Protein backbone atom coordinates (compact mmCIF):
# COMPACT_ATOMS: atom_id res chain seq x y z
CA UNK A 1 3.69 -37.45 20.57
CA UNK A 2 0.27 -37.25 18.89
CA UNK A 3 -0.01 -36.90 15.11
CA UNK A 4 -2.75 -36.46 12.55
CA UNK A 5 -2.31 -37.66 8.98
CA UNK A 6 -4.43 -37.05 5.91
CA UNK A 7 -3.79 -39.68 3.25
CA UNK A 8 -4.79 -40.19 -0.36
CA UNK A 9 -3.79 -42.35 -3.27
CA UNK A 10 -4.74 -42.23 -6.89
CA UNK A 11 -4.28 -43.97 -10.19
CA UNK A 12 -4.74 -42.55 -13.67
CA UNK A 13 -6.30 -45.61 -15.18
CA UNK A 14 -6.96 -48.62 -13.04
CA UNK A 15 -4.27 -49.80 -13.17
CA UNK A 16 -2.28 -46.83 -14.35
CA UNK A 17 0.26 -44.25 -13.21
CA UNK A 18 -0.17 -44.12 -9.42
CA UNK A 19 0.85 -41.82 -6.61
CA UNK A 20 0.20 -41.30 -2.94
CA UNK A 21 0.06 -38.24 -0.75
CA UNK A 22 0.43 -37.95 3.01
CA UNK A 23 -0.10 -34.69 4.87
CA UNK A 24 0.83 -34.34 8.54
CA UNK A 25 -0.44 -30.81 9.36
CA UNK A 26 2.35 -28.65 10.69
CA UNK A 27 4.91 -31.43 10.33
CA UNK A 28 5.57 -32.79 6.84
CA UNK A 29 4.16 -33.30 3.35
CA UNK A 30 5.02 -36.49 1.45
CA UNK A 31 4.33 -37.19 -2.24
CA UNK A 32 5.32 -40.62 -3.52
CA UNK A 33 5.30 -41.82 -7.11
CA UNK A 34 4.33 -45.51 -7.20
CA UNK A 35 4.70 -46.46 -10.86
CA UNK A 36 1.84 -48.46 -12.33
CA UNK A 37 -0.78 -49.60 -9.85
CA UNK A 38 -4.43 -49.63 -8.96
CA UNK A 39 -6.26 -46.99 -6.99
CA UNK A 40 -6.60 -49.34 -4.00
CA UNK A 41 -2.86 -50.07 -4.13
CA UNK A 42 -2.19 -46.32 -4.05
CA UNK A 43 -4.58 -45.74 -1.14
CA UNK A 44 -2.92 -48.49 0.93
CA UNK A 45 0.53 -47.20 -0.05
CA UNK A 46 -0.40 -43.80 1.40
CA UNK A 47 -1.52 -45.45 4.63
CA UNK A 48 1.72 -47.43 4.87
CA UNK A 49 3.78 -44.28 4.33
CA UNK A 50 1.89 -42.54 7.13
CA UNK A 51 2.34 -45.51 9.45
CA UNK A 52 6.07 -45.83 8.77
CA UNK A 53 6.59 -42.12 9.38
CA UNK A 54 4.60 -42.26 12.63
CA UNK A 55 6.60 -45.25 13.90
CA UNK A 56 9.90 -43.62 12.92
CA UNK A 57 9.01 -40.57 15.02
CA UNK A 58 7.96 -42.75 17.99
CA UNK A 59 4.43 -41.45 17.71
CA UNK A 60 2.25 -42.50 20.66
CA UNK A 61 -1.08 -41.63 19.04
CA UNK A 62 -1.96 -41.45 15.35
CA UNK A 63 -5.28 -40.33 13.88
CA UNK A 64 -5.50 -41.01 10.14
CA UNK A 65 -8.08 -39.42 7.86
CA UNK A 66 -8.74 -40.97 4.45
CA UNK A 67 -11.32 -40.45 1.73
CA UNK A 68 -11.15 -44.13 0.76
CA UNK A 69 -14.15 -45.72 2.42
CA UNK A 70 -12.83 -49.15 1.41
CA UNK A 71 -9.48 -48.73 3.20
CA UNK A 72 -11.09 -47.24 6.31
CA UNK A 73 -13.69 -49.98 6.58
CA UNK A 74 -11.18 -52.75 5.92
CA UNK A 75 -8.73 -51.44 8.53
CA UNK A 76 -11.59 -51.00 11.03
CA UNK A 77 -12.76 -54.57 10.39
CA UNK A 78 -16.09 -53.61 8.83
CA UNK A 79 -15.22 -55.04 5.39
CA UNK A 80 -13.32 -58.21 4.58
CA UNK A 81 -10.23 -58.09 2.39
CA UNK A 82 -10.93 -60.41 -0.52
CA UNK A 83 -8.27 -59.32 -3.04
CA UNK A 84 -5.00 -61.18 -2.40
CA UNK A 85 -2.72 -58.35 -3.54
CA UNK A 86 -4.54 -55.96 -1.22
CA UNK A 87 -4.40 -58.60 1.55
CA UNK A 88 -0.59 -58.28 1.55
CA UNK A 89 -0.84 -54.49 1.98
CA UNK A 90 -3.55 -54.86 4.64
CA UNK A 91 -1.43 -57.35 6.61
CA UNK A 92 1.57 -55.03 6.41
CA UNK A 93 -0.56 -52.11 7.65
CA UNK A 94 -1.78 -54.19 10.58
CA UNK A 95 1.81 -54.98 11.60
CA UNK A 96 2.73 -51.27 11.53
CA UNK A 97 -0.46 -50.31 13.39
CA UNK A 98 0.50 -52.74 16.17
CA UNK A 99 3.62 -50.62 16.79
CA UNK A 100 1.58 -47.49 17.56
CA UNK A 101 0.01 -47.45 21.05
CA UNK A 102 -3.14 -45.54 20.00
CA UNK A 103 -4.29 -45.65 16.40
CA UNK A 104 -7.52 -44.69 14.68
CA UNK A 105 -8.60 -44.18 11.10
CA UNK A 106 -11.66 -42.23 9.98
CA UNK A 107 -13.35 -41.52 6.69
CA UNK A 108 -13.47 -37.91 5.48
CA UNK A 109 -15.10 -36.44 2.44
CA UNK A 110 -12.85 -35.70 -0.50
CA UNK A 111 -13.30 -31.93 0.07
CA UNK A 112 -11.67 -32.31 3.50
CA UNK A 113 -8.68 -34.13 2.06
CA UNK A 114 -7.40 -31.63 -0.49
CA UNK A 115 -3.78 -31.43 0.72
CA UNK A 116 -3.24 -35.20 0.47
CA UNK A 117 -5.00 -35.29 -2.91
CA UNK A 118 -2.74 -32.52 -4.25
CA UNK A 119 0.34 -34.42 -3.05
CA UNK A 120 -0.79 -37.65 -4.76
CA UNK A 121 -1.40 -35.70 -7.98
CA UNK A 122 2.00 -34.00 -7.69
CA UNK A 123 3.65 -37.43 -7.53
CA UNK A 124 1.69 -38.66 -10.57
CA UNK A 125 2.40 -35.44 -12.51
CA UNK A 126 6.14 -35.38 -11.86
CA UNK A 127 6.83 -39.15 -11.62
CA UNK A 128 9.00 -38.56 -8.58
CA UNK A 129 8.91 -38.33 -4.81
CA UNK A 130 8.79 -35.17 -2.73
CA UNK A 131 9.28 -34.71 0.98
CA UNK A 132 8.93 -31.34 2.67
CA UNK A 133 9.22 -30.50 6.36
CA UNK A 134 6.94 -27.72 7.49
């Protein structure tokens, strides 16, 4: 199975109330409230949610789109991970990625990531998680 995922994370304050959104077109929408965290924590949390979902569905190919240039470039090996708390999330993402036969992550402009952004904001607004099959 091949899947596409649009991911986004946000924090109101840095750190502040945080949420993540993951949108698999035609499959599922996931909004996750994260409590207090940084923006980078929220972005990585969205990636981890997408990876866990893909592995749970035995996805053979996953293409992730994110508007976080930092996350994309760190996962693609273009930037080093210097922050130790982010290093833990990065290492976890790498372990999940290893379970997916074909994985890629690409940067998209914020305008192309509206669904995931709306889901992250929904989580922050409501302080709860939402999961909806399409």
